[in-house]
Amino acid sequence: MSGAAPERDPGLQPERTRLAWRRTTLSGTVAAVLAMRTALTDGPTAAGAVVCALCFTLWLAFLLLAHHRIRTLMTTPRPAPLTPRHATAATLCTATLAVCAAALIL
């Protein structure tokens, strides 16, 4: 028995990462919809419309980032690492959407 490590299957990690992006997109969609619903519960107001527009914009930005990453993972046999710019944008979209949703609850 040699001391060499077995070859790693390169197809498993991109698949798990792609599924994680899809789960995160789904949870962001639920958060955005619930935030919009909460903002419009008492009828349409100017503040509610602003919050809805902000939630929708953040959700759409994250959706575009996730779609770009999922497409990259599916089209290349060995995808490049996520760039710091895309990682920062995805993190900011997610955190800001969570803050908006939390502000609506309080």
PDB file of N, CA and C in Angstrom:
ATOM      1  N   MET A   1       0.850  -1.169   0.000  1.00  0.00           N
ATOM      2  CA  MET A   1       0.000   0.000   0.000  1.00  0.00           C
ATOM      3  C   MET A   1       0.897   1.233   0.000  1.00  0.00           C
ATOM      4  N   SER A   2       0.685   2.104  -0.962  1.00  0.00           N
ATOM      5  CA  SER A   2       1.499   3.313  -1.059  1.00  0.00           C
ATOM      6  C   SER A   2       0.937   4.404  -0.165  1.00  0.00           C
ATOM      7  N   GLY A   3       1.745   5.404   0.108  1.00  0.00           N
ATOM      8  CA  GLY A   3       1.346   6.496   0.990  1.00  0.00           C
ATOM      9  C   GLY A   3       0.612   7.605   0.253  1.00  0.00           C
ATOM     10  N   ALA A   4       0.368   7.430  -1.060  1.00  0.00           N
ATOM     11  CA  ALA A   4      -0.294   8.483  -1.822  1.00  0.00           C
ATOM     12  C   ALA A   4      -1.774   8.562  -1.470  1.00  0.00           C
ATOM     13  N   ALA A   5      -2.262   9.774  -1.381  1.00  0.00           N
ATOM     14  CA  ALA A   5      -3.682   9.985  -1.078  1.00  0.00           C
ATOM     15  C   ALA A   5      -4.514   9.695  -2.323  1.00  0.00           C
ATOM     16  N   PRO A   6      -5.718   9.174  -2.156  1.00  0.00           N
ATOM     17  CA  PRO A   6      -6.564   8.911  -3.317  1.00  0.00           C
ATOM     18  C   PRO A   6      -6.955  10.217  -4.009  1.00  0.00           C
ATOM     19  N   GLU A   7      -7.204  10.128  -5.308  1.00  0.00           N
ATOM     20  CA  GLU A   7      -7.612  11.299  -6.084  1.00  0.00           C
ATOM     21  C   GLU A   7      -8.945  11.824  -5.573  1.00  0.00           C
ATOM     22  N   ARG A   8      -9.043  13.108  -5.473  1.00  0.00           N
ATOM     23  CA  ARG A   8     -10.276  13.745  -5.052  1.00  0.00           C
ATOM     24  C   ARG A   8     -11.182  13.907  -6.259  1.00  0.00           C
ATOM     25  N   ASP A   9     -12.463  13.630  -6.082  1.00  0.00           N
ATOM     26  CA  ASP A   9     -13.418  13.794  -7.166  1.00  0.00           C
ATOM     27  C   ASP A   9     -13.751  15.279  -7.285  1.00  0.00           C
ATOM     28  N   PRO A  10     -13.323  15.960  -8.344  1.00  0.00           N
ATOM     29  CA  PRO A  10     -13.553  17.406  -8.436  1.00  0.00           C
ATOM     30  C   PRO A  10     -15.011  17.768  -8.689  1.00  0.00           C
ATOM     31  N   GLY A  11     -15.861  16.797  -8.993  1.00  0.00           N
ATOM     32  CA  GLY A  11     -17.247  17.105  -9.296  1.00  0.00           C
ATOM     33  C   GLY A  11     -18.124  17.294  -8.073  1.00  0.00           C
ATOM     34  N   LEU A  12     -17.692  16.809  -6.925  1.00  0.00           N
ATOM     35  CA  LEU A  12     -18.537  16.877  -5.734  1.00  0.00           C
ATOM     36  C   LEU A  12     -18.576  18.270  -5.101  1.00  0.00           C
ATOM     37  N   GLN A  13     -17.438  18.901  -4.956  1.00  0.00           N
ATOM     38  CA  GLN A  13     -17.415  20.208  -4.296  1.00  0.00           C
ATOM     39  C   GLN A  13     -18.187  21.270  -5.078  1.00  0.00           C
ATOM     40  N   PRO A  14     -17.995  21.403  -6.392  1.00  0.00           N
ATOM     41  CA  PRO A  14     -18.807  22.391  -7.116  1.00  0.00           C
ATOM     42  C   PRO A  14     -20.311  22.119  -7.023  1.00  0.00           C
ATOM     43  N   GLU A  15     -20.689  20.849  -6.988  1.00  0.00           N
ATOM     44  CA  GLU A  15     -22.110  20.509  -6.876  1.00  0.00           C
ATOM     45  C   GLU A  15     -22.663  20.939  -5.521  1.00  0.00           C
ATOM     46  N   ARG A  16     -21.926  20.690  -4.457  1.00  0.00           N
ATOM     47  CA  ARG A  16     -22.364  21.113  -3.120  1.00  0.00           C
ATOM     48  C   ARG A  16     -22.430  22.632  -3.028  1.00  0.00           C
ATOM     49  N   THR A  17     -21.456  23.290  -3.625  1.00  0.00           N
ATOM     50  CA  THR A  17     -21.442  24.753  -3.608  1.00  0.00           C
ATOM     51  C   THR A  17     -22.617  25.313  -4.399  1.00  0.00           C
ATOM     52  N   ARG A  18     -22.917  24.716  -5.534  1.00  0.00           N
ATOM     53  CA  ARG A  18     -24.056  25.152  -6.345  1.00  0.00           C
ATOM     54  C   ARG A  18     -25.355  24.994  -5.560  1.00  0.00           C
ATOM     55  N   LEU A  19     -25.512  23.879  -4.867  1.00  0.00           N
ATOM     56  CA  LEU A  19     -26.710  23.658  -4.056  1.00  0.00           C
ATOM     57  C   LEU A  19     -26.791  24.652  -2.893  1.00  0.00           C
ATOM     58  N   ALA A  20     -25.656  24.995  -2.306  1.00  0.00           N
ATOM     59  CA  ALA A  20     -25.642  25.974  -1.216  1.00  0.00           C
ATOM     60  C   ALA A  20     -26.084  27.353  -1.719  1.00  0.00           C
ATOM     61  N   TRP A  21     -25.634  27.727  -2.924  1.00  0.00           N
ATOM     62  CA  TRP A  21     -26.068  29.002  -3.505  1.00  0.00           C
ATOM     63  C   TRP A  21     -27.575  28.981  -3.744  1.00  0.00           C
ATOM     64  N   ARG A  22     -28.100  27.864  -4.207  1.00  0.00           N
ATOM     65  CA  ARG A  22     -29.546  27.772  -4.440  1.00  0.00           C
ATOM     66  C   ARG A  22     -30.329  27.871  -3.131  1.00  0.00           C
ATOM     67  N   ARG A  23     -29.849  27.205  -2.076  1.00  0.00           N
ATOM     68  CA  ARG A  23     -30.528  27.287  -0.772  1.00  0.00           C
ATOM     69  C   ARG A  23     -30.498  28.712  -0.231  1.00  0.00           C
ATOM     70  N   THR A  24     -29.369  29.376  -0.371  1.00  0.00           N
ATOM     71  CA  THR A  24     -29.249  30.743   0.115  1.00  0.00           C
ATOM     72  C   THR A  24     -30.162  31.674  -0.671  1.00  0.00           C
ATOM     73  N   THR A  25     -30.275  31.459  -1.971  1.00  0.00           N
ATOM     74  CA  THR A  25     -31.174  32.261  -2.791  1.00  0.00           C
ATOM     75  C   THR A  25     -32.620  32.045  -2.360  1.00  0.00           C
ATOM     76  N   LEU A  26     -32.981  30.816  -2.079  1.00  0.00           N
ATOM     77  CA  LEU A  26     -34.338  30.522  -1.628  1.00  0.00           C
ATOM     78  C   LEU A  26     -34.626  31.186  -0.289  1.00  0.00           C
ATOM     79  N   SER A  27     -33.702  31.112   0.646  1.00  0.00           N
ATOM     80  CA  SER A  27     -33.940  31.740   1.947  1.00  0.00           C
ATOM     81  C   SER A  27     -33.984  33.260   1.821  1.00  0.00           C
ATOM     82  N   GLY A  28     -33.188  33.834   0.930  1.00  0.00           N
ATOM     83  CA  GLY A  28     -33.260  35.274   0.681  1.00  0.00           C
ATOM     84  C   GLY A  28     -34.594  35.671   0.075  1.00  0.00           C
ATOM     85  N   THR A  29     -35.129  34.826  -0.790  1.00  0.00           N
ATOM     86  CA  THR A  29     -36.438  35.079  -1.391  1.00  0.00           C
ATOM     87  C   THR A  29     -37.525  35.090  -0.324  1.00  0.00           C
ATOM     88  N   VAL A  30     -37.474  34.130   0.576  1.00  0.00           N
ATOM     89  CA  VAL A  30     -38.460  34.062   1.653  1.00  0.00           C
ATOM     90  C   VAL A  30     -38.346  35.300   2.549  1.00  0.00           C
ATOM     91  N   ALA A  31     -37.120  35.695   2.894  1.00  0.00           N
ATOM     92  CA  ALA A  31     -36.928  36.876   3.742  1.00  0.00           C
ATOM     93  C   ALA A  31     -37.455  38.133   3.057  1.00  0.00           C
ATOM     94  N   ALA A  32     -37.191  38.277   1.764  1.00  0.00           N
ATOM     95  CA  ALA A  32     -37.653  39.462   1.032  1.00  0.00           C
ATOM     96  C   ALA A  32     -39.171  39.498   0.946  1.00  0.00           C
ATOM     97  N   VAL A  33     -39.786  38.354   0.660  1.00  0.00           N
ATOM     98  CA  VAL A  33     -41.246  38.311   0.557  1.00  0.00           C
ATOM     99  C   VAL A  33     -41.892  38.615   1.912  1.00  0.00           C
ATOM    100  N   LEU A  34     -41.358  38.036   2.975  1.00  0.00           N
ATOM    101  CA  LEU A  34     -41.915  38.306   4.304  1.00  0.00           C
ATOM    102  C   LEU A  34     -41.704  39.760   4.718  1.00  0.00           C
ATOM    103  N   ALA A  35     -40.566  40.329   4.358  1.00  0.00           N
ATOM    104  CA  ALA A  35     -40.319  41.738   4.676  1.00  0.00           C
ATOM    105  C   ALA A  35     -41.292  42.630   3.915  1.00  0.00           C
ATOM    106  N   MET A  36     -41.517  42.325   2.650  1.00  0.00           N
ATOM    107  CA  MET A  36     -42.464  43.116   1.858  1.00  0.00           C
ATOM    108  C   MET A  36     -43.886  42.963   2.403  1.00  0.00           C
ATOM    109  N   ARG A  37     -44.237  41.759   2.784  1.00  0.00           N
ATOM    110  CA  ARG A  37     -45.574  41.512   3.335  1.00  0.00           C
ATOM    111  C   ARG A  37     -45.769  42.288   4.635  1.00  0.00           C
ATOM    112  N   THR A  38     -44.745  42.277   5.482  1.00  0.00           N
ATOM    113  CA  THR A  38     -44.815  43.000   6.739  1.00  0.00           C
ATOM    114  C   THR A  38     -44.916  44.507   6.500  1.00  0.00           C
ATOM    115  N   ALA A  39     -44.182  45.001   5.516  1.00  0.00           N
ATOM    116  CA  ALA A  39     -44.198  46.441   5.225  1.00  0.00           C
ATOM    117  C   ALA A  39     -45.552  46.896   4.711  1.00  0.00           C
ATOM    118  N   LEU A  40     -46.273  46.020   4.043  1.00  0.00           N
ATOM    119  CA  LEU A  40     -47.545  46.407   3.440  1.00  0.00           C
ATOM    120  C   LEU A  40     -48.770  45.915   4.224  1.00  0.00           C
ATOM    121  N   THR A  41     -48.568  45.362   5.415  1.00  0.00           N
ATOM    122  CA  THR A  41     -49.666  44.814   6.205  1.00  0.00           C
ATOM    123  C   THR A  41     -50.715  45.867   6.566  1.00  0.00           C
ATOM    124  N   ASP A  42     -50.269  47.031   6.956  1.00  0.00           N
ATOM    125  CA  ASP A  42     -51.202  48.086   7.385  1.00  0.00           C
ATOM    126  C   ASP A  42     -51.633  48.974   6.228  1.00  0.00           C
ATOM    127  N   GLY A  43     -51.480  48.511   5.021  1.00  0.00           N
ATOM    128  CA  GLY A  43     -51.827  49.310   3.848  1.00  0.00           C
ATOM    129  C   GLY A  43     -50.591  49.984   3.286  1.00  0.00           C
ATOM    130  N   PRO A  44     -50.675  50.387   2.030  1.00  0.00           N
ATOM    131  CA  PRO A  44     -49.503  51.002   1.399  1.00  0.00           C
ATOM    132  C   PRO A  44     -49.208  52.389   1.981  1.00  0.00           C
ATOM    133  N   THR A  45     -47.965  52.555   2.416  1.00  0.00           N
ATOM    134  CA  THR A  45     -47.482  53.848   2.896  1.00  0.00           C
ATOM    135  C   THR A  45     -46.199  54.181   2.154  1.00  0.00           C
ATOM    136  N   ALA A  46     -45.762  55.401   2.277  1.00  0.00           N
ATOM    137  CA  ALA A  46     -44.515  55.804   1.602  1.00  0.00           C
ATOM    138  C   ALA A  46     -43.325  55.027   2.163  1.00  0.00           C
ATOM    139  N   ALA A  47     -43.271  54.882   3.483  1.00  0.00           N
ATOM    140  CA  ALA A  47     -42.173  54.136   4.100  1.00  0.00           C
ATOM    141  C   ALA A  47     -42.220  52.660   3.685  1.00  0.00           C
ATOM    142  N   GLY A  48     -43.418  52.095   3.641  1.00  0.00           N
ATOM    143  CA  GLY A  48     -43.555  50.699   3.211  1.00  0.00           C
ATOM    144  C   GLY A  48     -43.108  50.501   1.779  1.00  0.00           C
ATOM    145  N   ALA A  49     -43.435  51.458   0.915  1.00  0.00           N
ATOM    146  CA  ALA A  49     -43.017  51.360  -0.481  1.00  0.00           C
ATOM    147  C   ALA A  49     -41.501  51.438  -0.612  1.00  0.00           C
ATOM    148  N   VAL A  50     -40.872  52.298   0.191  1.00  0.00           N
ATOM    149  CA  VAL A  50     -39.409  52.419   0.156  1.00  0.00           C
ATOM    150  C   VAL A  50     -38.761  51.118   0.630  1.00  0.00           C
ATOM    151  N   VAL A  51     -39.290  50.564   1.710  1.00  0.00           N
ATOM    152  CA  VAL A  51     -38.737  49.304   2.234  1.00  0.00           C
ATOM    153  C   VAL A  51     -38.937  48.179   1.226  1.00  0.00           C
ATOM    154  N   CYS A  52     -40.095  48.118   0.597  1.00  0.00           N
ATOM    155  CA  CYS A  52     -40.344  47.094  -0.423  1.00  0.00           C
ATOM    156  C   CYS A  52     -39.371  47.231  -1.587  1.00  0.00           C
ATOM    157  N   ALA A  53     -39.172  48.458  -2.038  1.00  0.00           N
ATOM    158  CA  ALA A  53     -38.245  48.692  -3.150  1.00  0.00           C
ATOM    159  C   ALA A  53     -36.823  48.300  -2.760  1.00  0.00           C
ATOM    160  N   LEU A  54     -36.413  48.631  -1.535  1.00  0.00           N
ATOM    161  CA  LEU A  54     -35.080  48.275  -1.071  1.00  0.00           C
ATOM    162  C   LEU A  54     -34.925  46.757  -0.967  1.00  0.00           C
ATOM    163  N   CYS A  55     -35.904  46.094  -0.373  1.00  0.00           N
ATOM    164  CA  CYS A  55     -35.848  44.626  -0.263  1.00  0.00           C
ATOM    165  C   CYS A  55     -35.799  43.969  -1.639  1.00  0.00           C
ATOM    166  N   PHE A  56     -36.624  44.451  -2.557  1.00  0.00           N
ATOM    167  CA  PHE A  56     -36.634  43.878  -3.896  1.00  0.00           C
ATOM    168  C   PHE A  56     -35.307  44.097  -4.605  1.00  0.00           C
ATOM    169  N   THR A  57     -34.733  45.280  -4.462  1.00  0.00           N
ATOM    170  CA  THR A  57     -33.445  45.577  -5.102  1.00  0.00           C
ATOM    171  C   THR A  57     -32.333  44.706  -4.533  1.00  0.00           C
ATOM    172  N   LEU A  58     -32.296  44.562  -3.214  1.00  0.00           N
ATOM    173  CA  LEU A  58     -31.284  43.707  -2.589  1.00  0.00           C
ATOM    174  C   LEU A  58     -31.451  42.252  -3.000  1.00  0.00           C
ATOM    175  N   TRP A  59     -32.686  41.796  -3.025  1.00  0.00           N
ATOM    176  CA  TRP A  59     -32.949  40.415  -3.428  1.00  0.00           C
ATOM    177  C   TRP A  59     -32.527  40.191  -4.879  1.00  0.00           C
ATOM    178  N   LEU A  60     -32.868  41.132  -5.745  1.00  0.00           N
ATOM    179  CA  LEU A  60     -32.514  40.997  -7.156  1.00  0.00           C
ATOM    180  C   LEU A  60     -31.004  41.008  -7.354  1.00  0.00           C
ATOM    181  N   ALA A  61     -30.294  41.871  -6.627  1.00  0.00           N
ATOM    182  CA  ALA A  61     -28.833  41.914  -6.731  1.00  0.00           C
ATOM    183  C   ALA A  61     -28.226  40.589  -6.288  1.00  0.00           C
ATOM    184  N   PHE A  62     -28.718  40.043  -5.180  1.00  0.00           N
ATOM    185  CA  PHE A  62     -28.193  38.758  -4.724  1.00  0.00           C
ATOM    186  C   PHE A  62     -28.532  37.645  -5.708  1.00  0.00           C
ATOM    187  N   LEU A  63     -29.725  37.684  -6.251  1.00  0.00           N
ATOM    188  CA  LEU A  63     -30.131  36.678  -7.229  1.00  0.00           C
ATOM    189  C   LEU A  63     -29.212  36.694  -8.449  1.00  0.00           C
ATOM    190  N   LEU A  64     -28.865  37.865  -8.925  1.00  0.00           N
ATOM    191  CA  LEU A  64     -27.958  37.973 -10.069  1.00  0.00           C
ATOM    192  C   LEU A  64     -26.561  37.456  -9.735  1.00  0.00           C
ATOM    193  N   LEU A  65     -26.067  37.805  -8.546  1.00  0.00           N
ATOM    194  CA  LEU A  65     -24.758  37.299  -8.118  1.00  0.00           C
ATOM    195  C   LEU A  65     -24.767  35.771  -7.998  1.00  0.00           C
ATOM    196  N   ALA A  66     -25.811  35.234  -7.397  1.00  0.00           N
ATOM    197  CA  ALA A  66     -25.904  33.784  -7.228  1.00  0.00           C
ATOM    198  C   ALA A  66     -26.028  33.081  -8.571  1.00  0.00           C
ATOM    199  N   HIS A  67     -26.821  33.641  -9.470  1.00  0.00           N
ATOM    200  CA  HIS A  67     -26.972  33.034 -10.792  1.00  0.00           C
ATOM    201  C   HIS A  67     -25.643  33.016 -11.545  1.00  0.00           C
ATOM    202  N   HIS A  68     -24.894  34.100 -11.421  1.00  0.00           N
ATOM    203  CA  HIS A  68     -23.575  34.154 -12.074  1.00  0.00           C
ATOM    204  C   HIS A  68     -22.657  33.069 -11.507  1.00  0.00           C
ATOM    205  N   ARG A  69     -22.655  32.904 -10.191  1.00  0.00           N
ATOM    206  CA  ARG A  69     -21.783  31.896  -9.573  1.00  0.00           C
ATOM    207  C   ARG A  69     -22.242  30.479  -9.921  1.00  0.00           C
ATOM    208  N   ILE A  70     -23.548  30.247  -9.902  1.00  0.00           N
ATOM    209  CA  ILE A  70     -24.062  28.919 -10.243  1.00  0.00           C
ATOM    210  C   ILE A  70     -23.705  28.570 -11.687  1.00  0.00           C
ATOM    211  N   ARG A  71     -23.859  29.539 -12.583  1.00  0.00           N
ATOM    212  CA  ARG A  71     -23.515  29.304 -13.986  1.00  0.00           C
ATOM    213  C   ARG A  71     -22.024  29.004 -14.138  1.00  0.00           C
ATOM    214  N   THR A  72     -21.187  29.716 -13.401  1.00  0.00           N
ATOM    215  CA  THR A  72     -19.744  29.464 -13.443  1.00  0.00           C
ATOM    216  C   THR A  72     -19.424  28.061 -12.947  1.00  0.00           C
ATOM    217  N   LEU A  73     -20.093  27.641 -11.882  1.00  0.00           N
ATOM    218  CA  LEU A  73     -19.842  26.305 -11.337  1.00  0.00           C
ATOM    219  C   LEU A  73     -20.284  25.200 -12.288  1.00  0.00           C
ATOM    220  N   MET A  74     -21.310  25.477 -13.085  1.00  0.00           N
ATOM    221  CA  MET A  74     -21.844  24.446 -13.972  1.00  0.00           C
ATOM    222  C   MET A  74     -21.108  24.377 -15.307  1.00  0.00           C
ATOM    223  N   THR A  75     -20.499  25.472 -15.750  1.00  0.00           N
ATOM    224  CA  THR A  75     -19.934  25.494 -17.099  1.00  0.00           C
ATOM    225  C   THR A  75     -18.453  25.184 -17.169  1.00  0.00           C
ATOM    226  N   THR A  76     -17.747  25.298 -16.081  1.00  0.00           N
ATOM    227  CA  THR A  76     -16.313  25.035 -16.124  1.00  0.00           C
ATOM    228  C   THR A  76     -15.988  23.791 -15.310  1.00  0.00           C
ATOM    229  N   PRO A  77     -15.075  22.971 -15.812  1.00  0.00           N
ATOM    230  CA  PRO A  77     -14.747  21.750 -15.069  1.00  0.00           C
ATOM    231  C   PRO A  77     -14.045  22.039 -13.739  1.00  0.00           C
ATOM    232  N   ARG A  78     -13.264  23.089 -13.686  1.00  0.00           N
ATOM    233  CA  ARG A  78     -12.591  23.478 -12.437  1.00  0.00           C
ATOM    234  C   ARG A  78     -12.811  24.975 -12.239  1.00  0.00           C
ATOM    235  N   PRO A  79     -13.902  25.339 -11.561  1.00  0.00           N
ATOM    236  CA  PRO A  79     -14.246  26.762 -11.434  1.00  0.00           C
ATOM    237  C   PRO A  79     -13.222  27.537 -10.612  1.00  0.00           C
ATOM    238  N   ALA A  80     -13.081  28.788 -10.975  1.00  0.00           N
ATOM    239  CA  ALA A  80     -12.188  29.677 -10.232  1.00  0.00           C
ATOM    240  C   ALA A  80     -12.822  30.017  -8.888  1.00  0.00           C
ATOM    241  N   PRO A  81     -11.993  30.367  -7.912  1.00  0.00           N
ATOM    242  CA  PRO A  81     -12.560  30.763  -6.618  1.00  0.00           C
ATOM    243  C   PRO A  81     -13.418  32.024  -6.762  1.00  0.00           C
ATOM    244  N   LEU A  82     -14.322  32.192  -5.838  1.00  0.00           N
ATOM    245  CA  LEU A  82     -15.175  33.374  -5.822  1.00  0.00           C
ATOM    246  C   LEU A  82     -14.300  34.602  -5.584  1.00  0.00           C
ATOM    247  N   THR A  83     -14.471  35.627  -6.415  1.00  0.00           N
ATOM    248  CA  THR A  83     -13.650  36.829  -6.271  1.00  0.00           C
ATOM    249  C   THR A  83     -14.059  37.590  -5.010  1.00  0.00           C
ATOM    250  N   PRO A  84     -13.133  38.315  -4.411  1.00  0.00           N
ATOM    251  CA  PRO A  84     -13.478  39.096  -3.217  1.00  0.00           C
ATOM    252  C   PRO A  84     -14.590  40.111  -3.487  1.00  0.00           C
ATOM    253  N   ARG A  85     -14.625  40.673  -4.685  1.00  0.00           N
ATOM    254  CA  ARG A  85     -15.664  41.645  -5.029  1.00  0.00           C
ATOM    255  C   ARG A  85     -17.052  41.002  -5.000  1.00  0.00           C
ATOM    256  N   HIS A  86     -17.171  39.813  -5.598  1.00  0.00           N
ATOM    257  CA  HIS A  86     -18.459  39.121  -5.602  1.00  0.00           C
ATOM    258  C   HIS A  86     -18.832  38.636  -4.197  1.00  0.00           C
ATOM    259  N   ALA A  87     -17.859  38.159  -3.456  1.00  0.00           N
ATOM    260  CA  ALA A  87     -18.132  37.697  -2.092  1.00  0.00           C
ATOM    261  C   ALA A  87     -18.600  38.848  -1.207  1.00  0.00           C
ATOM    262  N   THR A  88     -17.963  40.002  -1.348  1.00  0.00           N
ATOM    263  CA  THR A  88     -18.357  41.173  -0.569  1.00  0.00           C
ATOM    264  C   THR A  88     -19.762  41.633  -0.945  1.00  0.00           C
ATOM    265  N   ALA A  89     -20.040  41.667  -2.242  1.00  0.00           N
ATOM    266  CA  ALA A  89     -21.371  42.087  -2.698  1.00  0.00           C
ATOM    267  C   ALA A  89     -22.454  41.137  -2.193  1.00  0.00           C
ATOM    268  N   ALA A  90     -22.214  39.839  -2.273  1.00  0.00           N
ATOM    269  CA  ALA A  90     -23.205  38.862  -1.796  1.00  0.00           C
ATOM    270  C   ALA A  90     -23.415  38.990  -0.293  1.00  0.00           C
ATOM    271  N   THR A  91     -22.342  39.191   0.446  1.00  0.00           N
ATOM    272  CA  THR A  91     -22.446  39.348   1.897  1.00  0.00           C
ATOM    273  C   THR A  91     -23.211  40.615   2.261  1.00  0.00           C
ATOM    274  N   LEU A  92     -22.909  41.712   1.578  1.00  0.00           N
ATOM    275  CA  LEU A  92     -23.611  42.968   1.862  1.00  0.00           C
ATOM    276  C   LEU A  92     -25.100  42.878   1.527  1.00  0.00           C
ATOM    277  N   CYS A  93     -25.417  42.240   0.405  1.00  0.00           N
ATOM    278  CA  CYS A  93     -26.836  42.073   0.046  1.00  0.00           C
ATOM    279  C   CYS A  93     -27.566  41.253   1.099  1.00  0.00           C
ATOM    280  N   THR A  94     -26.965  40.167   1.514  1.00  0.00           N
ATOM    281  CA  THR A  94     -27.600  39.288   2.496  1.00  0.00           C
ATOM    282  C   THR A  94     -27.756  39.983   3.849  1.00  0.00           C
ATOM    283  N   ALA A  95     -26.690  40.630   4.310  1.00  0.00           N
ATOM    284  CA  ALA A  95     -26.742  41.296   5.617  1.00  0.00           C
ATOM    285  C   ALA A  95     -27.723  42.467   5.610  1.00  0.00           C
ATOM    286  N   THR A  96     -27.731  43.246   4.544  1.00  0.00           N
ATOM    287  CA  THR A  96     -28.634  44.393   4.478  1.00  0.00           C
ATOM    288  C   THR A  96     -30.088  43.934   4.393  1.00  0.00           C
ATOM    289  N   LEU A  97     -30.345  42.879   3.651  1.00  0.00           N
ATOM    290  CA  LEU A  97     -31.711  42.346   3.585  1.00  0.00           C
ATOM    291  C   LEU A  97     -32.149  41.852   4.956  1.00  0.00           C
ATOM    292  N   ALA A  98     -31.253  41.212   5.687  1.00  0.00           N
ATOM    293  CA  ALA A  98     -31.591  40.748   7.042  1.00  0.00           C
ATOM    294  C   ALA A  98     -31.864  41.927   7.981  1.00  0.00           C
ATOM    295  N   VAL A  99     -31.083  42.984   7.856  1.00  0.00           N
ATOM    296  CA  VAL A  99     -31.307  44.170   8.686  1.00  0.00           C
ATOM    297  C   VAL A  99     -32.642  44.819   8.356  1.00  0.00           C
ATOM    298  N   CYS A 100     -32.976  44.896   7.068  1.00  0.00           N
ATOM    299  CA  CYS A 100     -34.276  45.471   6.669  1.00  0.00           C
ATOM    300  C   CYS A 100     -35.424  44.642   7.227  1.00  0.00           C
ATOM    301  N   ALA A 101     -35.309  43.340   7.105  1.00  0.00           N
ATOM    302  CA  ALA A 101     -36.361  42.462   7.622  1.00  0.00           C
ATOM    303  C   ALA A 101     -36.483  42.586   9.147  1.00  0.00           C
ATOM    304  N   ALA A 102     -35.346  42.664   9.844  1.00  0.00           N
ATOM    305  CA  ALA A 102     -35.383  42.802  11.291  1.00  0.00           C
ATOM    306  C   ALA A 102     -35.951  44.159  11.708  1.00  0.00           C
ATOM    307  N   ALA A 103     -35.643  45.206  10.967  1.00  0.00           N
ATOM    308  CA  ALA A 103     -36.173  46.537  11.284  1.00  0.00           C
ATOM    309  C   ALA A 103     -37.684  46.580  11.125  1.00  0.00           C
ATOM    310  N   LEU A 104     -38.207  45.833  10.167  1.00  0.00           N
ATOM    311  CA  LEU A 104     -39.653  45.797   9.985  1.00  0.00           C
ATOM    312  C   LEU A 104     -40.364  45.102  11.126  1.00  0.00           C
ATOM    313  N   ILE A 105     -39.695  44.124  11.722  1.00  0.00           N
ATOM    314  CA  ILE A 105     -40.305  43.375  12.817  1.00  0.00           C
ATOM    315  C   ILE A 105     -40.319  44.204  14.089  1.00  0.00           C
ATOM    316  N   LEU A 106     -39.266  44.966  14.311  1.00  0.00           N
ATOM    317  CA  LEU A 106     -39.175  45.780  15.541  1.00  0.00           C
ATOM    318  C   LEU A 106     -39.976  46.999  15.365  1.00  0.00           C
TER     319      LEU A 106
END
